[in-house]
Amino acid sequence: MNGLLRVGALCALVGLSACYLPEVRPEKIAMVQPNVTTSDQVVQLFGLPTSELNVAGGTKIFLYYRGEFGRTFEQNVPFYNLVYADYDTRTYDYFIFNREGVLQSYSIPNFAAEAKVPNPGS
């Protein structure tokens, strides 16, 4: 029984660690500069992207989605929102990099809202 409790606690710890999202602070947002910041620096500041797109010509797009923030109870509970179909009302935060991995353009409305600053993105 004692071993089963240890396994359960370990599984819970691993499950919770998978939910970790780095805190977005105004200082981190201020460090993002077009034509200066690299893709590695963005990953260091905001964590791994939710999705990564490779576009023709070597352009790379990082998409970040933090849908669990700013949602209503009905939008978070599965099958509770069967009538309205408004599960996904938030946009992605995105960063666009050239083939050298240097930031060209970005828009981070959700990161900015979380840090309580205006969206500095283009």
PDB file of N, CA and C in Angstrom:
ATOM      1  N   MET A   1       0.827  -1.198   0.000  1.00  0.00           N
ATOM      2  CA  MET A   1       0.000   0.000   0.000  1.00  0.00           C
ATOM      3  C   MET A   1       0.868   1.259   0.000  1.00  0.00           C
ATOM      4  N   ASN A   2       1.960   1.227   0.759  1.00  0.00           N
ATOM      5  CA  ASN A   2       2.862   2.369   0.846  1.00  0.00           C
ATOM      6  C   ASN A   2       3.493   2.664  -0.517  1.00  0.00           C
ATOM      7  N   GLY A   3       3.848   1.608  -1.242  1.00  0.00           N
ATOM      8  CA  GLY A   3       4.426   1.776  -2.576  1.00  0.00           C
ATOM      9  C   GLY A   3       3.433   2.377  -3.552  1.00  0.00           C
ATOM     10  N   LEU A   4       2.165   1.986  -3.408  1.00  0.00           N
ATOM     11  CA  LEU A   4       1.122   2.524  -4.271  1.00  0.00           C
ATOM     12  C   LEU A   4       0.925   4.026  -4.038  1.00  0.00           C
ATOM     13  N   LEU A   5       1.021   4.459  -2.792  1.00  0.00           N
ATOM     14  CA  LEU A   5       0.908   5.883  -2.483  1.00  0.00           C
ATOM     15  C   LEU A   5       2.068   6.665  -3.079  1.00  0.00           C
ATOM     16  N   ARG A   6       3.258   6.082  -3.026  1.00  0.00           N
ATOM     17  CA  ARG A   6       4.433   6.760  -3.611  1.00  0.00           C
ATOM     18  C   ARG A   6       4.290   6.901  -5.116  1.00  0.00           C
ATOM     19  N   VAL A   7       3.817   5.850  -5.766  1.00  0.00           N
ATOM     20  CA  VAL A   7       3.613   5.899  -7.219  1.00  0.00           C
ATOM     21  C   VAL A   7       2.553   6.950  -7.564  1.00  0.00           C
ATOM     22  N   GLY A   8       1.482   6.995  -6.782  1.00  0.00           N
ATOM     23  CA  GLY A   8       0.435   7.996  -7.018  1.00  0.00           C
ATOM     24  C   GLY A   8       0.946   9.406  -6.844  1.00  0.00           C
ATOM     25  N   ALA A   9       1.745   9.630  -5.814  1.00  0.00           N
ATOM     26  CA  ALA A   9       2.311  10.960  -5.584  1.00  0.00           C
ATOM     27  C   ALA A   9       3.267  11.345  -6.704  1.00  0.00           C
ATOM     28  N   LEU A  10       4.053  10.396  -7.184  1.00  0.00           N
ATOM     29  CA  LEU A  10       4.988  10.665  -8.276  1.00  0.00           C
ATOM     30  C   LEU A  10       4.234  11.001  -9.559  1.00  0.00           C
ATOM     31  N   CYS A  11       3.166  10.258  -9.838  1.00  0.00           N
ATOM     32  CA  CYS A  11       2.355  10.542 -11.033  1.00  0.00           C
ATOM     33  C   CYS A  11       1.712  11.927 -10.948  1.00  0.00           C
ATOM     34  N   ALA A  12       1.229  12.290  -9.776  1.00  0.00           N
ATOM     35  CA  ALA A  12       0.632  13.616  -9.595  1.00  0.00           C
ATOM     36  C   ALA A  12       1.666  14.709  -9.802  1.00  0.00           C
ATOM     37  N   LEU A  13       2.879  14.511  -9.299  1.00  0.00           N
ATOM     38  CA  LEU A  13       3.947  15.494  -9.457  1.00  0.00           C
ATOM     39  C   LEU A  13       4.328  15.663 -10.918  1.00  0.00           C
ATOM     40  N   VAL A  14       4.452  14.553 -11.637  1.00  0.00           N
ATOM     41  CA  VAL A  14       4.776  14.622 -13.066  1.00  0.00           C
ATOM     42  C   VAL A  14       3.644  15.310 -13.826  1.00  0.00           C
ATOM     43  N   GLY A  15       2.409  14.987 -13.491  1.00  0.00           N
ATOM     44  CA  GLY A  15       1.264  15.612 -14.155  1.00  0.00           C
ATOM     45  C   GLY A  15       1.202  17.104 -13.929  1.00  0.00           C
ATOM     46  N   LEU A  16       1.475  17.535 -12.715  1.00  0.00           N
ATOM     47  CA  LEU A  16       1.461  18.970 -12.418  1.00  0.00           C
ATOM     48  C   LEU A  16       2.628  19.694 -13.062  1.00  0.00           C
ATOM     49  N   SER A  17       3.779  19.043 -13.163  1.00  0.00           N
ATOM     50  CA  SER A  17       4.926  19.703 -13.781  1.00  0.00           C
ATOM     51  C   SER A  17       4.695  19.914 -15.267  1.00  0.00           C
ATOM     52  N   ALA A  18       3.884  19.084 -15.901  1.00  0.00           N
ATOM     53  CA  ALA A  18       3.567  19.265 -17.315  1.00  0.00           C
ATOM     54  C   ALA A  18       2.702  20.496 -17.530  1.00  0.00           C
ATOM     55  N   CYS A  19       2.033  20.980 -16.496  1.00  0.00           N
ATOM     56  CA  CYS A  19       1.173  22.161 -16.605  1.00  0.00           C
ATOM     57  C   CYS A  19       1.933  23.456 -16.368  1.00  0.00           C
ATOM     58  N   TYR A  20       3.227  23.379 -16.087  1.00  0.00           N
ATOM     59  CA  TYR A  20       3.997  24.571 -15.757  1.00  0.00           C
ATOM     60  C   TYR A  20       4.096  25.497 -16.961  1.00  0.00           C
ATOM     61  N   LEU A  21       3.803  26.761 -16.758  1.00  0.00           N
ATOM     62  CA  LEU A  21       3.987  27.793 -17.766  1.00  0.00           C
ATOM     63  C   LEU A  21       4.803  28.905 -17.133  1.00  0.00           C
ATOM     64  N   PRO A  22       5.875  29.339 -17.812  1.00  0.00           N
ATOM     65  CA  PRO A  22       6.686  30.416 -17.236  1.00  0.00           C
ATOM     66  C   PRO A  22       5.858  31.673 -17.013  1.00  0.00           C
ATOM     67  N   GLU A  23       6.157  32.382 -15.938  1.00  0.00           N
ATOM     68  CA  GLU A  23       5.460  33.627 -15.646  1.00  0.00           C
ATOM     69  C   GLU A  23       5.878  34.695 -16.650  1.00  0.00           C
ATOM     70  N   VAL A  24       4.906  35.428 -17.153  1.00  0.00           N
ATOM     71  CA  VAL A  24       5.189  36.510 -18.095  1.00  0.00           C
ATOM     72  C   VAL A  24       5.181  37.813 -17.311  1.00  0.00           C
ATOM     73  N   ARG A  25       6.355  38.475 -17.296  1.00  0.00           N
ATOM     74  CA  ARG A  25       6.495  39.746 -16.575  1.00  0.00           C
ATOM     75  C   ARG A  25       6.811  40.852 -17.580  1.00  0.00           C
ATOM     76  N   PRO A  26       6.529  42.097 -17.217  1.00  0.00           N
ATOM     77  CA  PRO A  26       6.830  43.209 -18.134  1.00  0.00           C
ATOM     78  C   PRO A  26       8.297  43.258 -18.573  1.00  0.00           C
ATOM     79  N   GLU A  27       9.201  42.841 -17.695  1.00  0.00           N
ATOM     80  CA  GLU A  27      10.629  42.856 -18.044  1.00  0.00           C
ATOM     81  C   GLU A  27      10.907  41.906 -19.206  1.00  0.00           C
ATOM     82  N   LYS A  28      10.243  40.755 -19.204  1.00  0.00           N
ATOM     83  CA  LYS A  28      10.440  39.793 -20.296  1.00  0.00           C
ATOM     84  C   LYS A  28       9.918  40.354 -21.608  1.00  0.00           C
ATOM     85  N   ILE A  29       8.761  40.986 -21.553  1.00  0.00           N
ATOM     86  CA  ILE A  29       8.183  41.552 -22.774  1.00  0.00           C
ATOM     87  C   ILE A  29       9.069  42.674 -23.316  1.00  0.00           C
ATOM     88  N   ALA A  30       9.653  43.457 -22.432  1.00  0.00           N
ATOM     89  CA  ALA A  30      10.520  44.563 -22.867  1.00  0.00           C
ATOM     90  C   ALA A  30      11.791  44.059 -23.550  1.00  0.00           C
ATOM     91  N   MET A  31      12.185  42.822 -23.290  1.00  0.00           N
ATOM     92  CA  MET A  31      13.405  42.266 -23.891  1.00  0.00           C
ATOM     93  C   MET A  31      13.204  41.854 -25.350  1.00  0.00           C
ATOM     94  N   VAL A  32      11.964  41.748 -25.795  1.00  0.00           N
ATOM     95  CA  VAL A  32      11.678  41.321 -27.164  1.00  0.00           C
ATOM     96  C   VAL A  32      11.822  42.514 -28.099  1.00  0.00           C
ATOM     97  N   GLN A  33      12.764  42.423 -29.043  1.00  0.00           N
ATOM     98  CA  GLN A  33      13.052  43.501 -29.984  1.00  0.00           C
ATOM     99  C   GLN A  33      13.114  42.943 -31.403  1.00  0.00           C
ATOM    100  N   PRO A  34      12.293  43.458 -32.336  1.00  0.00           N
ATOM    101  CA  PRO A  34      12.408  43.013 -33.729  1.00  0.00           C
ATOM    102  C   PRO A  34      13.806  43.286 -34.275  1.00  0.00           C
ATOM    103  N   ASN A  35      14.283  42.392 -35.127  1.00  0.00           N
ATOM    104  CA  ASN A  35      15.605  42.452 -35.765  1.00  0.00           C
ATOM    105  C   ASN A  35      16.756  42.309 -34.774  1.00  0.00           C
ATOM    106  N   VAL A  36      16.464  41.940 -33.534  1.00  0.00           N
ATOM    107  CA  VAL A  36      17.508  41.743 -32.522  1.00  0.00           C
ATOM    108  C   VAL A  36      17.337  40.399 -31.826  1.00  0.00           C
ATOM    109  N   THR A  37      16.147  40.141 -31.321  1.00  0.00           N
ATOM    110  CA  THR A  37      15.869  38.941 -30.531  1.00  0.00           C
ATOM    111  C   THR A  37      15.887  37.700 -31.425  1.00  0.00           C
ATOM    112  N   THR A  38      16.480  36.608 -30.919  1.00  0.00           N
ATOM    113  CA  THR A  38      16.530  35.355 -31.675  1.00  0.00           C
ATOM    114  C   THR A  38      15.453  34.391 -31.183  1.00  0.00           C
ATOM    115  N   SER A  39      15.234  33.353 -31.957  1.00  0.00           N
ATOM    116  CA  SER A  39      14.228  32.355 -31.585  1.00  0.00           C
ATOM    117  C   SER A  39      14.622  31.649 -30.281  1.00  0.00           C
ATOM    118  N   ASP A  40      15.909  31.417 -30.064  1.00  0.00           N
ATOM    119  CA  ASP A  40      16.355  30.791 -28.811  1.00  0.00           C
ATOM    120  C   ASP A  40      16.053  31.677 -27.611  1.00  0.00           C
ATOM    121  N   GLN A  41      16.203  32.977 -27.778  1.00  0.00           N
ATOM    122  CA  GLN A  41      15.898  33.900 -26.682  1.00  0.00           C
ATOM    123  C   GLN A  41      14.405  33.919 -26.377  1.00  0.00           C
ATOM    124  N   VAL A  42      13.552  33.833 -27.393  1.00  0.00           N
ATOM    125  CA  VAL A  42      12.104  33.795 -27.179  1.00  0.00           C
ATOM    126  C   VAL A  42      11.729  32.539 -26.403  1.00  0.00           C
ATOM    127  N   VAL A  43      12.307  31.397 -26.759  1.00  0.00           N
ATOM    128  CA  VAL A  43      12.036  30.151 -26.040  1.00  0.00           C
ATOM    129  C   VAL A  43      12.524  30.266 -24.600  1.00  0.00           C
ATOM    130  N   GLN A  44      13.656  30.899 -24.405  1.00  0.00           N
ATOM    131  CA  GLN A  44      14.178  31.084 -23.042  1.00  0.00           C
ATOM    132  C   GLN A  44      13.250  31.974 -22.212  1.00  0.00           C
ATOM    133  N   LEU A  45      12.659  32.996 -22.829  1.00  0.00           N
ATOM    134  CA  LEU A  45      11.787  33.917 -22.108  1.00  0.00           C
ATOM    135  C   LEU A  45      10.387  33.354 -21.852  1.00  0.00           C
ATOM    136  N   PHE A  46       9.802  32.699 -22.853  1.00  0.00           N
ATOM    137  CA  PHE A  46       8.393  32.308 -22.782  1.00  0.00           C
ATOM    138  C   PHE A  46       8.161  30.798 -22.775  1.00  0.00           C
ATOM    139  N   GLY A  47       9.213  30.007 -22.830  1.00  0.00           N
ATOM    140  CA  GLY A  47       9.061  28.562 -22.859  1.00  0.00           C
ATOM    141  C   GLY A  47       8.867  28.057 -24.279  1.00  0.00           C
ATOM    142  N   LEU A  48       8.722  26.749 -24.408  1.00  0.00           N
ATOM    143  CA  LEU A  48       8.523  26.152 -25.728  1.00  0.00           C
ATOM    144  C   LEU A  48       7.175  26.591 -26.304  1.00  0.00           C
ATOM    145  N   PRO A  49       7.130  26.835 -27.624  1.00  0.00           N
ATOM    146  CA  PRO A  49       5.861  27.258 -28.231  1.00  0.00           C
ATOM    147  C   PRO A  49       4.853  26.119 -28.249  1.00  0.00           C
ATOM    148  N   THR A  50       3.585  26.483 -28.287  1.00  0.00           N
ATOM    149  CA  THR A  50       2.523  25.500 -28.422  1.00  0.00           C
ATOM    150  C   THR A  50       2.612  24.816 -29.769  1.00  0.00           C
ATOM    151  N   SER A  51       2.972  25.585 -30.785  1.00  0.00           N
ATOM    152  CA  SER A  51       3.087  25.060 -32.138  1.00  0.00           C
ATOM    153  C   SER A  51       4.172  25.833 -32.867  1.00  0.00           C
ATOM    154  N   GLU A  52       4.839  25.155 -33.791  1.00  0.00           N
ATOM    155  CA  GLU A  52       5.891  25.789 -34.582  1.00  0.00           C
ATOM    156  C   GLU A  52       5.630  25.501 -36.047  1.00  0.00           C
ATOM    157  N   LEU A  53       5.614  26.554 -36.862  1.00  0.00           N
ATOM    158  CA  LEU A  53       5.354  26.402 -38.293  1.00  0.00           C
ATOM    159  C   LEU A  53       6.612  26.759 -39.074  1.00  0.00           C
ATOM    160  N   ASN A  54       6.964  25.921 -40.038  1.00  0.00           N
ATOM    161  CA  ASN A  54       8.067  26.218 -40.950  1.00  0.00           C
ATOM    162  C   ASN A  54       7.466  26.578 -42.294  1.00  0.00           C
ATOM    163  N   VAL A  55       7.732  27.798 -42.753  1.00  0.00           N
ATOM    164  CA  VAL A  55       7.141  28.322 -43.978  1.00  0.00           C
ATOM    165  C   VAL A  55       8.218  28.339 -45.053  1.00  0.00           C
ATOM    166  N   ALA A  56       7.811  28.334 -46.318  1.00  0.00           N
ATOM    167  CA  ALA A  56       8.746  28.368 -47.432  1.00  0.00           C
ATOM    168  C   ALA A  56       9.710  29.540 -47.290  1.00  0.00           C
ATOM    169  N   GLY A  57      10.935  29.337 -47.689  1.00  0.00           N
ATOM    170  CA  GLY A  57      11.938  30.389 -47.607  1.00  0.00           C
ATOM    171  C   GLY A  57      12.664  30.406 -46.278  1.00  0.00           C
ATOM    172  N   GLY A  58      12.372  29.475 -45.404  1.00  0.00           N
ATOM    173  CA  GLY A  58      13.068  29.394 -44.129  1.00  0.00           C
ATOM    174  C   GLY A  58      12.431  30.173 -42.993  1.00  0.00           C
ATOM    175  N   THR A  59      11.329  30.849 -43.269  1.00  0.00           N
ATOM    176  CA  THR A  59      10.640  31.585 -42.210  1.00  0.00           C
ATOM    177  C   THR A  59      10.053  30.603 -41.204  1.00  0.00           C
ATOM    178  N   LYS A  60      10.143  30.954 -39.931  1.00  0.00           N
ATOM    179  CA  LYS A  60       9.623  30.111 -38.860  1.00  0.00           C
ATOM    180  C   LYS A  60       8.669  30.932 -38.015  1.00  0.00           C
ATOM    181  N   ILE A  61       7.545  30.341 -37.628  1.00  0.00           N
ATOM    182  CA  ILE A  61       6.548  31.016 -36.808  1.00  0.00           C
ATOM    183  C   ILE A  61       6.333  30.205 -35.544  1.00  0.00           C
ATOM    184  N   PHE A  62       6.468  30.864 -34.403  1.00  0.00           N
ATOM    185  CA  PHE A  62       6.164  30.247 -33.115  1.00  0.00           C
ATOM    186  C   PHE A  62       4.783  30.729 -32.679  1.00  0.00           C
ATOM    187  N   LEU A  63       3.900  29.791 -32.331  1.00  0.00           N
ATOM    188  CA  LEU A  63       2.573  30.124 -31.821  1.00  0.00           C
ATOM    189  C   LEU A  63       2.484  29.720 -30.358  1.00  0.00           C
ATOM    190  N   TYR A  64       1.989  30.620 -29.542  1.00  0.00           N
ATOM    191  CA  TYR A  64       1.773  30.340 -28.123  1.00  0.00           C
ATOM    192  C   TYR A  64       0.293  30.507 -27.834  1.00  0.00           C
ATOM    193  N   TYR A  65      -0.280  29.515 -27.174  1.00  0.00           N
ATOM    194  CA  TYR A  65      -1.693  29.583 -26.814  1.00  0.00           C
ATOM    195  C   TYR A  65      -1.844  29.256 -25.339  1.00  0.00           C
ATOM    196  N   ARG A  66      -2.437  30.161 -24.606  1.00  0.00           N
ATOM    197  CA  ARG A  66      -2.686  29.958 -23.183  1.00  0.00           C
ATOM    198  C   ARG A  66      -4.177  30.115 -22.951  1.00  0.00           C
ATOM    199  N   GLY A  67      -4.930  29.198 -23.499  1.00  0.00           N
ATOM    200  CA  GLY A  67      -6.380  29.285 -23.490  1.00  0.00           C
ATOM    201  C   GLY A  67      -7.024  29.160 -22.132  1.00  0.00           C
ATOM    202  N   GLU A  68      -6.294  28.630 -21.164  1.00  0.00           N
ATOM    203  CA  GLU A  68      -6.904  28.446 -19.847  1.00  0.00           C
ATOM    204  C   GLU A  68      -7.039  29.746 -19.079  1.00  0.00           C
ATOM    205  N   PHE A  69      -6.389  30.812 -19.541  1.00  0.00           N
ATOM    206  CA  PHE A  69      -6.467  32.097 -18.856  1.00  0.00           C
ATOM    207  C   PHE A  69      -7.549  32.954 -19.503  1.00  0.00           C
ATOM    208  N   GLY A  70      -8.327  33.654 -18.683  1.00  0.00           N
ATOM    209  CA  GLY A  70      -9.323  34.572 -19.207  1.00  0.00           C
ATOM    210  C   GLY A  70     -10.547  33.895 -19.784  1.00  0.00           C
ATOM    211  N   ARG A  71     -10.833  32.675 -19.379  1.00  0.00           N
ATOM    212  CA  ARG A  71     -12.000  31.970 -19.884  1.00  0.00           C
ATOM    213  C   ARG A  71     -13.047  31.860 -18.788  1.00  0.00           C
ATOM    214  N   THR A  72     -14.282  31.728 -19.209  1.00  0.00           N
ATOM    215  CA  THR A  72     -15.374  31.584 -18.252  1.00  0.00           C
ATOM    216  C   THR A  72     -15.458  30.133 -17.782  1.00  0.00           C
ATOM    217  N   PHE A  73     -16.229  29.906 -16.749  1.00  0.00           N
ATOM    218  CA  PHE A  73     -16.429  28.558 -16.234  1.00  0.00           C
ATOM    219  C   PHE A  73     -16.992  27.640 -17.314  1.00  0.00           C
ATOM    220  N   GLU A  74     -17.956  28.146 -18.059  1.00  0.00           N
ATOM    221  CA  GLU A  74     -18.599  27.345 -19.097  1.00  0.00           C
ATOM    222  C   GLU A  74     -17.616  26.939 -20.191  1.00  0.00           C
ATOM    223  N   GLN A  75     -16.656  27.800 -20.502  1.00  0.00           N
ATOM    224  CA  GLN A  75     -15.687  27.486 -21.544  1.00  0.00           C
ATOM    225  C   GLN A  75     -14.646  26.479 -21.071  1.00  0.00           C
ATOM    226  N   ASN A  76     -14.418  26.375 -19.782  1.00  0.00           N
ATOM    227  CA  ASN A  76     -13.414  25.455 -19.261  1.00  0.00           C
ATOM    228  C   ASN A  76     -13.928  24.057 -18.981  1.00  0.00           C
ATOM    229  N   VAL A  77     -15.210  23.898 -18.745  1.00  0.00           N
ATOM    230  CA  VAL A  77     -15.751  22.591 -18.374  1.00  0.00           C
ATOM    231  C   VAL A  77     -16.226  21.863 -19.628  1.00  0.00           C
ATOM    232  N   PRO A  78     -15.646  20.690 -19.917  1.00  0.00           N
ATOM    233  CA  PRO A  78     -16.085  19.953 -21.110  1.00  0.00           C
ATOM    234  C   PRO A  78     -17.560  19.564 -21.012  1.00  0.00           C
ATOM    235  N   PHE A  79     -18.237  19.612 -22.112  1.00  0.00           N
ATOM    236  CA  PHE A  79     -19.633  19.226 -22.267  1.00  0.00           C
ATOM    237  C   PHE A  79     -20.610  20.137 -21.534  1.00  0.00           C
ATOM    238  N   TYR A  80     -20.145  21.132 -20.831  1.00  0.00           N
ATOM    239  CA  TYR A  80     -21.044  22.083 -20.180  1.00  0.00           C
ATOM    240  C   TYR A  80     -21.530  23.110 -21.195  1.00  0.00           C
ATOM    241  N   ASN A  81     -20.688  23.361 -22.188  1.00  0.00           N
ATOM    242  CA  ASN A  81     -20.969  24.392 -23.181  1.00  0.00           C
ATOM    243  C   ASN A  81     -21.436  23.752 -24.491  1.00  0.00           C
ATOM    244  N   LEU A  82     -22.448  22.931 -24.461  1.00  0.00           N
ATOM    245  CA  LEU A  82     -22.911  22.243 -25.661  1.00  0.00           C
ATOM    246  C   LEU A  82     -23.744  23.123 -26.580  1.00  0.00           C
ATOM    247  N   VAL A  83     -24.339  24.165 -26.071  1.00  0.00           N
ATOM    248  CA  VAL A  83     -25.267  24.966 -26.853  1.00  0.00           C
ATOM    249  C   VAL A  83     -24.591  26.132 -27.556  1.00  0.00           C
ATOM    250  N   TYR A  84     -23.677  26.809 -26.899  1.00  0.00           N
ATOM    251  CA  TYR A  84     -23.160  28.078 -27.422  1.00  0.00           C
ATOM    252  C   TYR A  84     -21.982  27.945 -28.370  1.00  0.00           C
ATOM    253  N   ALA A  85     -21.171  26.920 -28.241  1.00  0.00           N
ATOM    254  CA  ALA A  85     -20.015  26.689 -29.110  1.00  0.00           C
ATOM    255  C   ALA A  85     -19.062  27.888 -29.121  1.00  0.00           C
ATOM    256  N   ASP A  86     -18.785  28.445 -27.972  1.00  0.00           N
ATOM    257  CA  ASP A  86     -17.817  29.545 -27.894  1.00  0.00           C
ATOM    258  C   ASP A  86     -16.615  29.134 -27.042  1.00  0.00           C
ATOM    259  N   TYR A  87     -16.090  27.947 -27.314  1.00  0.00           N
ATOM    260  CA  TYR A  87     -14.981  27.431 -26.535  1.00  0.00           C
ATOM    261  C   TYR A  87     -13.718  28.274 -26.696  1.00  0.00           C
ATOM    262  N   ASP A  88     -13.460  28.683 -27.923  1.00  0.00           N
ATOM    263  CA  ASP A  88     -12.159  29.264 -28.225  1.00  0.00           C
ATOM    264  C   ASP A  88     -12.307  30.690 -28.710  1.00  0.00           C
ATOM    265  N   THR A  89     -12.220  31.656 -27.817  1.00  0.00           N
ATOM    266  CA  THR A  89     -12.412  33.044 -28.205  1.00  0.00           C
ATOM    267  C   THR A  89     -11.113  33.833 -28.186  1.00  0.00           C
ATOM    268  N   ARG A  90     -10.052  33.256 -27.711  1.00  0.00           N
ATOM    269  CA  ARG A  90      -8.783  33.979 -27.608  1.00  0.00           C
ATOM    270  C   ARG A  90      -7.896  33.720 -28.804  1.00  0.00           C
ATOM    271  N   THR A  91      -7.031  34.660 -29.084  1.00  0.00           N
ATOM    272  CA  THR A  91      -6.109  34.539 -30.200  1.00  0.00           C
ATOM    273  C   THR A  91      -4.783  33.955 -29.733  1.00  0.00           C
ATOM    274  N   TYR A  92      -3.954  33.595 -30.696  1.00  0.00           N
ATOM    275  CA  TYR A  92      -2.611  33.118 -30.403  1.00  0.00           C
ATOM    276  C   TYR A  92      -1.668  34.298 -30.251  1.00  0.00           C
ATOM    277  N   ASP A  93      -0.643  34.117 -29.448  1.00  0.00           N
ATOM    278  CA  ASP A  93       0.502  35.014 -29.458  1.00  0.00           C
ATOM    279  C   ASP A  93       1.468  34.418 -30.480  1.00  0.00           C
ATOM    280  N   TYR A  94       2.057  35.263 -31.333  1.00  0.00           N
ATOM    281  CA  TYR A  94       2.945  34.691 -32.345  1.00  0.00           C
ATOM    282  C   TYR A  94       4.224  35.507 -32.491  1.00  0.00           C
ATOM    283  N   PHE A  95       5.266  34.815 -32.936  1.00  0.00           N
ATOM    284  CA  PHE A  95       6.564  35.403 -33.243  1.00  0.00           C
ATOM    285  C   PHE A  95       6.970  34.868 -34.610  1.00  0.00           C
ATOM    286  N   ILE A  96       7.396  35.750 -35.515  1.00  0.00           N
ATOM    287  CA  ILE A  96       7.822  35.354 -36.857  1.00  0.00           C
ATOM    288  C   ILE A  96       9.325  35.625 -36.974  1.00  0.00           C
ATOM    289  N   PHE A  97      10.073  34.580 -37.361  1.00  0.00           N
ATOM    290  CA  PHE A  97      11.529  34.657 -37.470  1.00  0.00           C
ATOM    291  C   PHE A  97      11.963  34.429 -38.914  1.00  0.00           C
ATOM    292  N   ASN A  98      13.064  35.096 -39.321  1.00  0.00           N
ATOM    293  CA  ASN A  98      13.605  34.858 -40.651  1.00  0.00           C
ATOM    294  C   ASN A  98      14.447  33.582 -40.636  1.00  0.00           C
ATOM    295  N   ARG A  99      15.064  33.253 -41.767  1.00  0.00           N
ATOM    296  CA  ARG A  99      15.816  31.997 -41.858  1.00  0.00           C
ATOM    297  C   ARG A  99      17.033  31.958 -40.940  1.00  0.00           C
ATOM    298  N   GLU A 100      17.518  33.109 -40.505  1.00  0.00           N
ATOM    299  CA  GLU A 100      18.638  33.151 -39.557  1.00  0.00           C
ATOM    300  C   GLU A 100      18.167  33.011 -38.108  1.00  0.00           C
ATOM    301  N   GLY A 101      16.870  32.979 -37.897  1.00  0.00           N
ATOM    302  CA  GLY A 101      16.337  32.831 -36.552  1.00  0.00           C
ATOM    303  C   GLY A 101      16.193  34.145 -35.803  1.00  0.00           C
ATOM    304  N   VAL A 102      16.179  35.269 -36.528  1.00  0.00           N
ATOM    305  CA  VAL A 102      16.044  36.593 -35.915  1.00  0.00           C
ATOM    306  C   VAL A 102      14.596  37.050 -36.045  1.00  0.00           C
ATOM    307  N   LEU A 103      14.055  37.602 -34.977  1.00  0.00           N
ATOM    308  CA  LEU A 103      12.661  38.026 -34.936  1.00  0.00           C
ATOM    309  C   LEU A 103      12.384  39.130 -35.950  1.00  0.00           C
ATOM    310  N   GLN A 104      11.324  38.934 -36.761  1.00  0.00           N
ATOM    311  CA  GLN A 104      10.912  39.931 -37.737  1.00  0.00           C
ATOM    312  C   GLN A 104       9.658  40.671 -37.297  1.00  0.00           C
ATOM    313  N   SER A 105       8.695  39.938 -36.751  1.00  0.00           N
ATOM    314  CA  SER A 105       7.424  40.531 -36.349  1.00  0.00           C
ATOM    315  C   SER A 105       6.828  39.681 -35.244  1.00  0.00           C
ATOM    316  N   TYR A 106       5.960  40.298 -34.439  1.00  0.00           N
ATOM    317  CA  TYR A 106       5.303  39.549 -33.372  1.00  0.00           C
ATOM    318  C   TYR A 106       4.066  40.286 -32.897  1.00  0.00           C
ATOM    319  N   SER A 107       3.177  39.532 -32.282  1.00  0.00           N
ATOM    320  CA  SER A 107       1.999  40.091 -31.624  1.00  0.00           C
ATOM    321  C   SER A 107       1.712  39.210 -30.424  1.00  0.00           C
ATOM    322  N   ILE A 108       1.641  39.823 -29.248  1.00  0.00           N
ATOM    323  CA  ILE A 108       1.493  39.046 -28.011  1.00  0.00           C
ATOM    324  C   ILE A 108       0.395  39.628 -27.123  1.00  0.00           C
ATOM    325  N   PRO A 109      -0.852  39.643 -27.610  1.00  0.00           N
ATOM    326  CA  PRO A 109      -1.924  40.238 -26.806  1.00  0.00           C
ATOM    327  C   PRO A 109      -2.182  39.504 -25.491  1.00  0.00           C
ATOM    328  N   ASN A 110      -2.059  38.180 -25.483  1.00  0.00           N
ATOM    329  CA  ASN A 110      -2.336  37.426 -24.260  1.00  0.00           C
ATOM    330  C   ASN A 110      -1.206  37.546 -23.251  1.00  0.00           C
ATOM    331  N   PHE A 111       0.052  37.485 -23.730  1.00  0.00           N
ATOM    332  CA  PHE A 111       1.188  37.691 -22.822  1.00  0.00           C
ATOM    333  C   PHE A 111       1.122  39.084 -22.211  1.00  0.00           C
ATOM    334  N   ALA A 112       0.803  40.087 -23.037  1.00  0.00           N
ATOM    335  CA  ALA A 112       0.723  41.461 -22.545  1.00  0.00           C
ATOM    336  C   ALA A 112      -0.390  41.616 -21.516  1.00  0.00           C
ATOM    337  N   ALA A 113      -1.535  40.992 -21.769  1.00  0.00           N
ATOM    338  CA  ALA A 113      -2.639  41.071 -20.813  1.00  0.00           C
ATOM    339  C   ALA A 113      -2.266  40.406 -19.492  1.00  0.00           C
ATOM    340  N   GLU A 114      -1.560  39.284 -19.577  1.00  0.00           N
ATOM    341  CA  GLU A 114      -1.138  38.597 -18.363  1.00  0.00           C
ATOM    342  C   GLU A 114      -0.138  39.434 -17.557  1.00  0.00           C
ATOM    343  N   ALA A 115       0.739  40.161 -18.265  1.00  0.00           N
ATOM    344  CA  ALA A 115       1.729  41.008 -17.605  1.00  0.00           C
ATOM    345  C   ALA A 115       1.172  42.394 -17.276  1.00  0.00           C
ATOM    346  N   LYS A 116      -0.082  42.656 -17.696  1.00  0.00           N
ATOM    347  CA  LYS A 116      -0.756  43.934 -17.446  1.00  0.00           C
ATOM    348  C   LYS A 116      -0.020  45.117 -18.095  1.00  0.00           C
ATOM    349  N   VAL A 117       0.392  44.924 -19.354  1.00  0.00           N
ATOM    350  CA  VAL A 117       1.024  45.984 -20.154  1.00  0.00           C
ATOM    351  C   VAL A 117       0.347  46.008 -21.524  1.00  0.00           C
ATOM    352  N   PRO A 118       0.444  47.120 -22.268  1.00  0.00           N
ATOM    353  CA  PRO A 118      -0.120  47.156 -23.631  1.00  0.00           C
ATOM    354  C   PRO A 118       0.649  46.206 -24.551  1.00  0.00           C
ATOM    355  N   ASN A 119      -0.011  45.705 -25.583  1.00  0.00           N
ATOM    356  CA  ASN A 119       0.626  44.810 -26.547  1.00  0.00           C
ATOM    357  C   ASN A 119       1.653  45.587 -27.359  1.00  0.00           C
ATOM    358  N   PRO A 120       2.949  45.277 -27.205  1.00  0.00           N
ATOM    359  CA  PRO A 120       3.972  46.023 -27.930  1.00  0.00           C
ATOM    360  C   PRO A 120       4.187  45.495 -29.343  1.00  0.00           C
ATOM    361  N   GLY A 121       3.564  44.395 -29.691  1.00  0.00           N
ATOM    362  CA  GLY A 121       3.804  43.747 -30.979  1.00  0.00           C
ATOM    363  C   GLY A 121       3.309  44.544 -32.159  1.00  0.00           C
ATOM    364  N   SER A 122       3.797  44.141 -33.312  1.00  0.00           N
ATOM    365  CA  SER A 122       3.424  44.848 -34.535  1.00  0.00           C
ATOM    366  C   SER A 122       2.281  44.160 -35.236  1.00  0.00           C
TER     367      SER A 122
END
